Amino acid sequence: MLNEEEITQYQSIMGICQWILIAGRMDITFAVSSLSRFSPKPREGHLKRAIKILGYLKKYPSRGYIIDPREPEINGTFMDLVADFGNQYSDFKEEKDPKLPKPLMKELPVTIYTDSNHGHDQVTGKSITGIVVLVGRTPVHWTSKRQASVQTATFGAEFIALKRAVEEAITIRYYLQSMGVKVTKPTIIYGDNMASITNTIEPGSPLKKKYLALSYHFCREYFSAGIVSIRKIDGKLNRADPFTKALASPEFHEHYNQIMTQ
């Protein structure tokens, strides 16, 4: 057990790390998210790991990202499928606020990576969702967060993460439009779970999990309307992977080297 002074030290480190994370050091997102849950009553092991985050930041003080409007490069293959849902979602359209300004600049590509770690929290059984949003090649939003409900299968955890990614797509599209950026093309969402993607993009795919009905139809509506384009990508290329789990050093640096500067 930690004494009062050590608990205060731990909470101070977590506060500093959260500020640094928001300032742009997305590479500590998973570690800070995991350790912050123990801030009310940390233990010795938590404090040691928190101090290691500071050591990591000291070792890599210059990591950040640059503003780059170009479309992201995908160094690998992905599945991009087109589906015909007939009249099932034909009445659904993207909402357009009439008060939004007229676009004054060309369109910027928006890409979202999403992933989940099923049953990540061994105490509560809850899974964790990881998301990173890129406008051009610039990361603008990232998150590592436990899901609100317990999912009994990987499929459910991945579907909840996919739904969260679609929600992020809606938000970022509105933000861009409100700043006068042209938005007409689908927002690309990459995930690495074939089952959740298949249930979203294939018209004939049945819903076998009734408790996921709302997420199921929510994702399918936005896909069928061409607002999002959901694609299957290999897990090794999924940049949301380090936001859901602790990775070995080579894999960790490989992911972040693709979206951050050294």
Protein backbone atom coordinates (compact mmCIF):
# COMPACT_ATOMS: atom_id res chain seq x y z
CA MET A 1 0.00 0.00 0.00
CA LEU A 2 1.11 3.56 -0.69
CA ASN A 3 1.21 6.31 1.90
CA GLU A 4 -0.55 9.64 1.42
CA GLU A 5 2.52 11.31 -0.10
CA GLU A 6 2.97 8.53 -2.66
CA ILE A 7 -0.74 8.58 -3.57
CA THR A 8 -0.48 12.33 -4.18
CA GLN A 9 2.63 11.71 -6.30
CA TYR A 10 0.77 9.12 -8.38
CA GLN A 11 -2.21 11.40 -8.93
CA SER A 12 0.12 14.23 -9.91
CA ILE A 13 1.87 12.03 -12.49
CA MET A 14 -1.46 10.96 -13.95
CA GLY A 15 -2.59 14.57 -14.21
CA ILE A 16 0.63 15.55 -15.99
CA CYS A 17 0.37 12.57 -18.36
CA GLN A 18 -3.24 13.35 -19.24
CA TRP A 19 -2.27 16.92 -20.11
CA ILE A 20 0.64 15.68 -22.25
CA LEU A 21 -1.66 13.17 -23.96
CA ILE A 22 -4.16 15.89 -24.89
CA ALA A 23 -1.27 18.06 -26.10
CA GLY A 24 -0.45 15.46 -28.74
CA ARG A 25 1.42 12.49 -27.25
CA MET A 26 -1.07 9.88 -28.36
CA ASP A 27 1.53 7.13 -27.88
CA ILE A 28 0.86 7.09 -24.12
CA THR A 29 -2.94 6.90 -24.53
CA PHE A 30 -3.39 3.24 -23.60
CA ALA A 31 -1.00 3.37 -20.63
CA VAL A 32 -2.55 6.54 -19.20
CA SER A 33 -6.10 5.30 -19.75
CA SER A 34 -5.32 2.02 -17.97
CA LEU A 35 -3.55 3.58 -14.99
CA SER A 36 -5.93 6.51 -14.51
CA ARG A 37 -8.63 4.12 -13.29
CA PHE A 38 -6.57 3.50 -10.16
CA SER A 39 -6.03 7.16 -9.22
CA PRO A 40 -8.37 7.10 -6.17
CA LYS A 41 -6.41 4.30 -4.49
CA PRO A 42 -3.24 3.25 -6.37
CA ARG A 43 -0.82 0.56 -5.24
CA GLU A 44 2.92 0.22 -5.46
CA GLY A 45 2.86 -1.50 -8.85
CA HIS A 46 0.72 1.29 -10.31
CA LEU A 47 3.17 3.95 -9.14
CA LYS A 48 6.12 2.08 -10.66
CA ARG A 49 4.32 1.87 -14.02
CA ALA A 50 3.37 5.54 -13.87
CA ILE A 51 7.01 6.48 -13.33
CA LYS A 52 7.90 4.31 -16.35
CA ILE A 53 5.63 6.50 -18.51
CA LEU A 54 7.71 9.52 -17.50
CA GLY A 55 10.85 7.54 -18.35
CA TYR A 56 9.44 6.74 -21.78
CA LEU A 57 8.63 10.40 -22.43
CA LYS A 58 12.15 11.35 -21.40
CA LYS A 59 13.59 8.76 -23.79
CA TYR A 60 11.41 9.95 -26.71
CA PRO A 61 10.92 13.68 -26.05
CA SER A 62 10.45 14.78 -29.66
CA ARG A 63 7.61 12.57 -30.83
CA GLY A 64 4.67 14.43 -32.28
CA TYR A 65 2.80 14.86 -35.52
CA ILE A 66 2.75 17.27 -38.42
CA ILE A 67 -0.11 18.84 -40.38
CA ASP A 68 -0.30 16.97 -43.69
CA PRO A 69 -3.42 17.15 -45.90
CA ARG A 70 -2.38 14.28 -48.17
CA GLU A 71 -4.28 11.00 -48.20
CA PRO A 72 -2.79 8.36 -45.86
CA GLU A 73 -0.71 5.59 -47.41
CA ILE A 74 -1.76 2.01 -46.71
CA ASN A 75 1.30 -0.23 -46.93
CA GLY A 76 -0.67 -3.41 -47.48
CA THR A 77 -3.95 -4.76 -48.80
CA PHE A 78 -7.49 -4.21 -47.62
CA MET A 79 -10.98 -5.34 -48.64
CA ASP A 80 -13.24 -2.64 -50.09
CA LEU A 81 -16.68 -4.03 -50.92
CA VAL A 82 -19.74 -2.37 -52.45
CA ALA A 83 -23.19 -3.60 -51.46
CA ASP A 84 -26.74 -3.03 -52.67
CA PHE A 85 -29.28 -2.88 -49.84
CA GLY A 86 -32.20 -2.26 -52.18
CA ASN A 87 -34.94 -0.25 -50.50
CA GLN A 88 -34.11 -1.30 -46.94
CA TYR A 89 -32.37 1.99 -46.06
CA SER A 90 -33.32 4.02 -49.14
CA ASP A 91 -35.05 6.75 -47.12
CA PHE A 92 -31.96 7.48 -45.00
CA LYS A 93 -29.86 10.52 -45.90
CA GLU A 94 -27.05 12.39 -44.19
CA GLU A 95 -28.42 15.31 -42.21
CA LYS A 96 -27.28 18.69 -43.52
CA ASP A 97 -27.56 21.76 -41.31
CA PRO A 98 -28.85 24.61 -43.53
CA LYS A 99 -26.90 27.07 -41.40
CA LEU A 100 -23.54 25.56 -42.32
CA PRO A 101 -21.28 27.88 -44.34
CA LYS A 102 -20.64 27.39 -48.04
CA PRO A 103 -17.49 25.24 -48.62
CA LEU A 104 -14.49 27.47 -49.25
CA MET A 105 -11.78 24.85 -49.67
CA LYS A 106 -11.33 21.49 -51.32
CA GLU A 107 -12.18 18.20 -49.66
CA LEU A 108 -9.86 16.56 -47.15
CA PRO A 109 -9.71 12.75 -46.82
CA VAL A 110 -10.94 11.45 -43.45
CA THR A 111 -9.76 8.05 -42.23
CA ILE A 112 -10.70 6.26 -39.01
CA TYR A 113 -9.03 3.17 -37.54
CA THR A 114 -11.00 1.19 -34.97
CA ASP A 115 -10.25 -1.84 -32.84
CA SER A 116 -11.31 -3.53 -29.61
CA ASN A 117 -9.76 -5.83 -27.04
CA HIS A 118 -12.38 -8.32 -25.87
CA GLY A 119 -12.56 -8.81 -22.10
CA HIS A 120 -9.62 -6.48 -21.48
CA ASP A 121 -10.62 -5.66 -17.89
CA GLN A 122 -10.22 -8.90 -15.95
CA VAL A 123 -12.07 -7.48 -12.94
CA THR A 124 -15.25 -6.29 -14.69
CA GLY A 125 -14.99 -8.30 -17.92
CA LYS A 126 -15.45 -5.16 -20.02
CA SER A 127 -13.74 -4.75 -23.36
CA ILE A 128 -11.80 -1.71 -24.50
CA THR A 129 -12.31 0.39 -27.64
CA GLY A 130 -9.45 2.08 -29.46
CA ILE A 131 -9.97 4.71 -32.17
CA VAL A 132 -7.71 7.11 -34.05
CA VAL A 133 -9.08 9.66 -36.54
CA LEU A 134 -6.96 11.16 -39.32
CA VAL A 135 -7.79 14.20 -41.45
CA GLY A 136 -5.39 13.81 -44.32
CA ARG A 137 -2.41 12.25 -42.56
CA THR A 138 -2.91 14.36 -39.44
CA PRO A 139 -4.25 12.67 -36.29
CA VAL A 140 -7.02 14.85 -34.86
CA HIS A 141 -8.67 12.55 -32.34
CA TRP A 142 -7.70 9.39 -30.47
CA THR A 143 -9.22 7.44 -27.63
CA SER A 144 -8.72 4.32 -25.53
CA LYS A 145 -11.76 3.62 -23.39
CA ARG A 146 -13.56 0.78 -21.68
CA GLN A 147 -16.92 -0.13 -23.17
CA ALA A 148 -20.00 0.60 -21.08
CA SER A 149 -21.35 -2.96 -21.13
CA VAL A 150 -19.88 -6.46 -20.94
CA GLN A 151 -19.77 -8.31 -24.26
CA THR A 152 -19.71 -12.11 -24.11
CA ALA A 153 -18.06 -12.52 -27.52
CA THR A 154 -15.39 -10.78 -29.58
CA PHE A 155 -18.01 -10.05 -32.24
CA GLY A 156 -20.02 -7.92 -29.82
CA ALA A 157 -16.99 -5.95 -28.63
CA GLU A 158 -15.86 -5.28 -32.20
CA PHE A 159 -19.34 -4.19 -33.25
CA ILE A 160 -19.57 -1.72 -30.38
CA ALA A 161 -16.18 -0.31 -31.44
CA LEU A 162 -17.37 -0.07 -35.06
CA LYS A 163 -20.48 1.82 -33.98
CA ARG A 164 -18.27 4.25 -32.03
CA ALA A 165 -16.16 4.79 -35.15
CA VAL A 166 -19.27 5.62 -37.20
CA GLU A 167 -20.30 8.12 -34.53
CA GLU A 168 -16.84 9.72 -34.73
CA ALA A 169 -17.22 9.92 -38.51
CA ILE A 170 -20.51 11.80 -38.13
CA THR A 171 -18.91 14.23 -35.68
CA ILE A 172 -15.77 14.96 -37.71
CA ARG A 173 -17.78 15.43 -40.91
CA TYR A 174 -19.94 18.03 -39.17
CA TYR A 175 -16.89 19.82 -37.74
CA LEU A 176 -15.27 20.03 -41.16
CA GLN A 177 -18.44 21.33 -42.79
CA SER A 178 -18.85 23.97 -40.07
CA MET A 179 -15.33 25.22 -40.89
CA GLY A 180 -16.09 25.55 -44.59
CA VAL A 181 -14.43 22.32 -45.74
CA LYS A 182 -16.11 20.44 -48.55
CA VAL A 183 -17.40 17.01 -47.44
CA THR A 184 -18.89 14.75 -50.12
CA LYS A 185 -16.85 11.54 -50.12
CA PRO A 186 -17.41 8.66 -47.69
CA THR A 187 -15.37 8.61 -44.51
CA ILE A 188 -13.16 5.51 -44.61
CA ILE A 189 -13.26 3.26 -41.55
CA TYR A 190 -10.71 0.47 -41.19
CA GLY A 191 -11.27 -2.48 -38.85
CA ASP A 192 -9.68 -5.91 -38.53
CA ASN A 193 -12.66 -8.05 -37.46
CA MET A 194 -14.24 -9.78 -40.43
CA ALA A 195 -17.45 -10.81 -38.65
CA SER A 196 -18.50 -7.30 -37.61
CA ILE A 197 -17.61 -5.85 -41.01
CA THR A 198 -19.47 -8.61 -42.88
CA ASN A 199 -22.62 -8.01 -40.83
CA THR A 200 -22.44 -4.33 -41.76
CA ILE A 201 -21.64 -4.37 -45.47
CA GLU A 202 -23.35 -7.52 -46.77
CA PRO A 203 -27.11 -7.08 -47.35
CA GLY A 204 -27.84 -10.78 -46.88
CA SER A 205 -25.98 -11.08 -43.61
CA PRO A 206 -28.49 -11.85 -40.83
CA LEU A 207 -28.46 -10.34 -37.36
CA LYS A 208 -27.93 -13.23 -34.98
CA LYS A 209 -27.34 -11.17 -31.84
CA LYS A 210 -30.58 -9.37 -31.01
CA TYR A 211 -29.00 -7.22 -28.29
CA LEU A 212 -26.80 -5.62 -30.95
CA ALA A 213 -29.78 -4.68 -33.16
CA LEU A 214 -29.41 -0.92 -32.77
CA SER A 215 -25.67 -0.92 -33.47
CA TYR A 216 -26.27 -3.28 -36.41
CA HIS A 217 -28.82 -1.05 -38.16
CA PHE A 218 -27.01 2.17 -37.20
CA CYS A 219 -23.80 1.08 -38.96
CA ARG A 220 -25.63 -0.38 -41.96
CA GLU A 221 -27.62 2.82 -42.50
CA TYR A 222 -24.54 5.00 -42.75
CA PHE A 223 -22.73 2.47 -44.92
CA SER A 224 -25.66 2.04 -47.33
CA ALA A 225 -26.02 5.83 -47.68
CA GLY A 226 -22.37 6.16 -48.69
CA ILE A 227 -21.52 8.30 -45.65
CA VAL A 228 -18.91 5.80 -44.45
CA SER A 229 -16.90 3.17 -46.28
CA ILE A 230 -16.06 0.28 -43.96
CA ARG A 231 -13.05 -1.79 -44.96
CA LYS A 232 -11.30 -4.89 -43.63
CA ILE A 233 -7.61 -4.43 -42.93
CA ASP A 234 -4.97 -6.74 -41.49
CA GLY A 235 -4.47 -6.37 -37.74
CA LYS A 236 -0.79 -5.54 -38.25
CA LEU A 237 -1.84 -2.47 -40.25
CA ASN A 238 -4.61 -1.35 -37.92
CA ARG A 239 -3.29 1.85 -36.31
CA ALA A 240 -5.88 1.57 -33.53
CA ASP A 241 -4.25 -1.63 -32.25
CA PRO A 242 -1.87 0.05 -29.73
CA PHE A 243 -4.85 1.94 -28.28
CA THR A 244 -6.41 -1.32 -27.05
CA LYS A 245 -3.54 -3.37 -25.64
CA ALA A 246 0.08 -3.36 -24.55
CA LEU A 247 2.27 -4.37 -27.49
CA ALA A 248 5.85 -5.57 -27.75
CA SER A 249 8.28 -2.75 -28.49
CA PRO A 250 8.77 -3.50 -32.24
CA GLU A 251 5.02 -3.61 -32.96
CA PHE A 252 4.37 -0.56 -30.75
CA HIS A 253 6.93 1.62 -32.53
CA GLU A 254 5.91 0.32 -35.97
CA HIS A 255 2.35 1.53 -35.46
CA TYR A 256 3.21 4.93 -34.04
CA ASN A 257 5.99 5.57 -36.58
CA GLN A 258 3.26 5.56 -39.23
CA ILE A 259 1.21 8.36 -37.64
CA MET A 260 3.79 10.29 -35.58
CA THR A 261 7.14 11.96 -36.18
CA GLN A 262 10.28 10.87 -34.35
